[in-house]
Amino acid sequence: MINSLTIKVNNIQFVHTGEEPTVNIHFRGVDPDNQLNVNGYVPVTNDEYEANSGVNQLEQLVREKLTERMTV
């Protein structure tokens, strides 16, 4: 189901909490029928962000992180 969502990155927030800075990627996802809506943010490391700095890559990273969170 998560694979069918259209993910759009809304905002990128650089956060300094504790010792290691993180990046919060805010997103919105909708299903093909526009009936299911999911939004929020996923925290990633600076290294993950830099390795996926294009829009399409960030959307895929969000999808991966969302899948991890939803299947725990």
Protein backbone atom coordinates (compact mmCIF):
# COMPACT_ATOMS: atom_id res chain seq x y z
CA MET A 1 0.00 0.00 0.00
CA ILE A 2 2.78 2.46 0.85
CA ASN A 3 4.35 1.80 -2.53
CA SER A 4 1.21 3.13 -4.24
CA LEU A 5 1.28 6.47 -2.38
CA THR A 6 2.33 9.59 -4.21
CA ILE A 7 4.87 11.21 -1.88
CA LYS A 8 5.61 14.94 -2.06
CA VAL A 9 8.29 16.62 0.04
CA ASN A 10 6.89 19.83 1.57
CA ASN A 11 9.74 21.10 3.70
CA ILE A 12 13.22 20.23 4.86
CA GLN A 13 14.21 21.25 8.38
CA PHE A 14 17.74 21.07 9.77
CA VAL A 15 17.61 20.29 13.49
CA HIS A 16 20.35 20.28 16.08
CA THR A 17 19.31 18.00 18.93
CA GLY A 18 21.90 16.46 21.12
CA GLU A 19 25.30 15.79 19.61
CA GLU A 20 24.40 14.90 16.03
CA PRO A 21 22.42 17.22 13.77
CA THR A 22 19.49 15.65 11.94
CA VAL A 23 17.28 16.54 9.00
CA ASN A 24 13.49 16.35 9.25
CA ILE A 25 11.87 15.76 5.87
CA HIS A 26 8.23 16.88 5.98
CA PHE A 27 5.98 15.17 3.46
CA ARG A 28 2.45 14.46 2.28
CA GLY A 29 1.36 11.20 0.69
CA VAL A 30 -1.92 10.33 -1.03
CA ASP A 31 -3.18 7.11 -2.55
CA PRO A 32 -4.13 6.84 -6.25
CA ASP A 33 -7.84 7.31 -5.44
CA ASN A 34 -7.12 10.37 -3.30
CA GLN A 35 -8.97 8.74 -0.40
CA LEU A 36 -6.05 8.08 1.94
CA ASN A 37 -3.85 10.92 3.16
CA VAL A 38 -0.74 10.56 5.29
CA ASN A 39 1.56 13.39 6.34
CA GLY A 40 4.24 14.21 8.84
CA TYR A 41 8.01 14.10 8.83
CA VAL A 42 10.74 11.52 8.93
CA PRO A 43 14.06 12.22 10.65
CA VAL A 44 17.19 11.25 8.72
CA THR A 45 20.88 11.69 9.30
CA ASN A 46 22.89 14.33 7.48
CA ASP A 47 24.66 11.55 5.57
CA GLU A 48 21.33 10.08 4.40
CA TYR A 49 20.18 13.53 3.32
CA GLU A 50 23.37 14.28 1.41
CA ALA A 51 23.29 10.88 -0.32
CA ASN A 52 19.68 11.53 -1.45
CA SER A 53 19.70 15.26 -2.13
CA GLY A 54 17.50 15.26 -5.27
CA VAL A 55 13.72 15.62 -4.97
CA ASN A 56 12.98 12.17 -6.40
CA GLN A 57 15.62 10.62 -4.16
CA LEU A 58 14.21 12.34 -1.08
CA GLU A 59 10.72 11.13 -1.93
CA GLN A 60 12.05 7.58 -2.22
CA LEU A 61 13.91 7.96 1.09
CA VAL A 62 10.68 9.11 2.75
CA ARG A 63 8.88 6.07 1.28
CA GLU A 64 11.57 3.75 2.69
CA LYS A 65 11.50 5.37 6.15
CA LEU A 66 7.68 5.34 6.17
CA THR A 67 7.68 1.64 5.25
CA GLU A 68 10.11 0.91 8.08
CA ARG A 69 7.93 2.75 10.59
CA MET A 70 4.65 1.21 9.42
CA THR A 71 5.94 -2.38 9.50
CA VAL A 72 7.40 -2.32 13.01
